């Protein structure tokens, strides 16, 4: 699917279309329109879209996806933040957290206060460090 197709899906009133757009745009990575991904991370019509966008960015296990998510985390209201953290905590276990956990841990030392504080908040819900690696 092309970026243009994903952009159209992201603007659809149908949540399934927006979910597919979130997954597809997150998979594309740095070539994807960040503003649109940011909007999907803040979708106020369906939480499935938010979950798909957040987990899609984390599954990338790269700094680009993580930084986009951390920037969004810093902007969320308390209820939205709780929901985002719930989605993330539900998806990550000691068995699959290693790649993203290391990246999040690195960001806790960022010179950017937004990334640093959001990373610390995210580490509170991730099972990090995995048991037996401490």
Protein backbone atom coordinates (compact mmCIF):
# COMPACT_ATOMS: atom_id res chain seq x y z
CA UNK A 1 0.00 0.00 0.00
CA UNK A 2 1.36 3.42 -0.88
CA UNK A 3 1.74 6.37 1.46
CA UNK A 4 -1.01 8.12 -0.49
CA UNK A 5 -3.38 5.19 0.16
CA UNK A 6 -2.48 5.19 3.84
CA UNK A 7 -3.08 8.94 4.06
CA UNK A 8 -6.56 8.42 2.62
CA UNK A 9 -7.26 5.62 5.09
CA UNK A 10 -6.03 7.78 7.98
CA UNK A 11 -8.65 10.39 7.13
CA UNK A 12 -11.49 7.87 6.88
CA UNK A 13 -14.41 7.96 9.33
CA UNK A 14 -14.10 4.15 9.63
CA UNK A 15 -11.90 3.15 12.56
CA UNK A 16 -10.70 -0.02 10.79
CA UNK A 17 -9.34 2.13 7.96
CA UNK A 18 -7.57 4.40 10.46
CA UNK A 19 -6.17 1.34 12.27
CA UNK A 20 -4.75 -0.01 9.00
CA UNK A 21 -3.32 3.42 8.27
CA UNK A 22 -1.69 3.59 11.69
CA UNK A 23 -0.06 0.18 11.24
CA UNK A 24 1.06 0.94 7.69
CA UNK A 25 2.46 4.38 8.42
CA UNK A 26 4.32 3.15 11.50
CA UNK A 27 5.83 0.34 9.41
CA UNK A 28 7.05 2.79 6.76
CA UNK A 29 9.02 4.74 9.33
CA UNK A 30 10.86 8.01 8.72
CA UNK A 31 9.33 8.45 5.26
CA UNK A 32 5.82 8.52 6.75
CA UNK A 33 4.06 11.82 7.47
CA UNK A 34 4.79 12.35 11.18
CA UNK A 35 1.94 14.80 11.66
CA UNK A 36 -0.55 12.21 10.49
CA UNK A 37 0.93 9.51 12.73
CA UNK A 38 0.77 11.97 15.61
CA UNK A 39 -2.91 12.55 14.84
CA UNK A 40 -3.54 8.79 14.85
CA UNK A 41 -1.78 8.51 18.22
CA UNK A 42 -4.33 11.05 19.45
CA UNK A 43 -7.40 9.64 17.66
CA UNK A 44 -10.38 10.75 19.72
CA UNK A 45 -12.88 8.53 17.92
CA UNK A 46 -11.53 5.05 18.64
CA UNK A 47 -8.90 3.72 21.03
CA UNK A 48 -8.04 0.83 18.67
CA UNK A 49 -6.43 3.38 16.36
CA UNK A 50 -4.34 4.81 19.21
CA UNK A 51 -3.25 1.33 20.27
CA UNK A 52 -2.30 0.30 16.73
CA UNK A 53 -0.27 3.46 16.18
CA UNK A 54 1.57 3.21 19.52
CA UNK A 55 2.39 -0.47 19.25
CA UNK A 56 3.34 -0.11 15.59
CA UNK A 57 5.89 2.54 16.50
CA UNK A 58 7.28 0.47 19.38
CA UNK A 59 7.50 -2.68 17.25
CA UNK A 60 9.92 -0.84 14.99
CA UNK A 61 12.42 -0.88 17.86
CA UNK A 62 14.12 2.22 16.50
CA UNK A 63 14.74 5.72 17.78
CA UNK A 64 12.47 7.36 15.22
CA UNK A 65 9.37 5.46 16.30
CA UNK A 66 10.18 5.73 19.98
CA UNK A 67 10.81 9.48 19.82
CA UNK A 68 7.52 10.08 18.03
CA UNK A 69 5.70 8.11 20.71
CA UNK A 70 7.59 9.79 23.58
CA UNK A 71 6.71 13.21 22.20
CA UNK A 72 3.06 12.22 22.12
CA UNK A 73 3.16 10.79 25.64
CA UNK A 74 4.35 14.17 26.92
CA UNK A 75 1.23 15.86 25.47
CA UNK A 76 -1.43 13.46 26.71
CA UNK A 77 -3.98 14.29 29.39
CA UNK A 78 -4.03 11.97 32.40
CA UNK A 79 -6.85 9.69 31.18
CA UNK A 80 -5.34 9.41 27.70
CA UNK A 81 -1.92 8.71 29.20
CA UNK A 82 -3.31 5.97 31.43
CA UNK A 83 -4.93 4.33 28.41
CA UNK A 84 -1.74 4.59 26.34
CA UNK A 85 0.32 3.05 29.14
CA UNK A 86 -2.25 0.28 29.53
CA UNK A 87 -1.93 -0.61 25.84
CA UNK A 88 1.84 -0.66 26.07
CA UNK A 89 1.99 -2.64 29.32
CA UNK A 90 -0.44 -5.20 27.91
CA UNK A 91 1.71 -5.74 24.81
CA UNK A 92 5.11 -6.06 26.46
CA UNK A 93 6.36 -8.93 28.59
CA UNK A 94 9.81 -9.88 29.87
CA UNK A 95 10.06 -12.10 26.77
CA UNK A 96 9.64 -9.33 24.18
CA UNK A 97 10.72 -6.11 25.88
CA UNK A 98 14.49 -6.28 25.32
CA UNK A 99 14.83 -4.28 22.10
CA UNK A 100 12.52 -1.43 22.98
CA UNK A 101 13.50 -1.48 26.66
CA UNK A 102 17.11 -0.64 25.85
CA UNK A 103 16.07 2.25 23.62
CA UNK A 104 13.71 3.65 26.24
CA UNK A 105 16.41 3.32 28.90
CA UNK A 106 18.85 5.25 26.69
CA UNK A 107 16.32 8.05 26.30
CA UNK A 108 16.16 8.50 30.10
CA UNK A 109 19.56 10.19 29.67
CA UNK A 110 18.47 12.41 26.78
CA UNK A 111 19.35 16.10 26.83
CA UNK A 112 15.78 16.74 25.64
CA UNK A 113 13.61 17.01 28.78
CA UNK A 114 10.45 15.91 26.93
CA UNK A 115 12.06 12.68 25.72
CA UNK A 116 13.81 12.09 29.04
CA UNK A 117 10.70 12.47 31.22
CA UNK A 118 8.45 10.52 28.84
CA UNK A 119 11.01 7.70 28.73
CA UNK A 120 11.08 7.55 32.53
CA UNK A 121 7.29 7.39 32.57
CA UNK A 122 7.29 4.64 29.94
CA UNK A 123 9.85 2.59 31.87
CA UNK A 124 7.44 2.51 34.79
CA UNK A 125 5.04 0.32 32.79
CA UNK A 126 7.55 -1.78 30.83
CA UNK A 127 8.84 -4.94 32.52
CA UNK A 128 12.36 -3.49 32.49
CA UNK A 129 14.87 -4.78 33.11
CA UNK A 130 13.65 -8.28 32.30
CA UNK A 131 13.92 -10.64 35.29
CA UNK A 132 17.29 -12.34 35.51
CA UNK A 133 19.15 -9.59 33.61
CA UNK A 134 19.57 -7.13 36.46
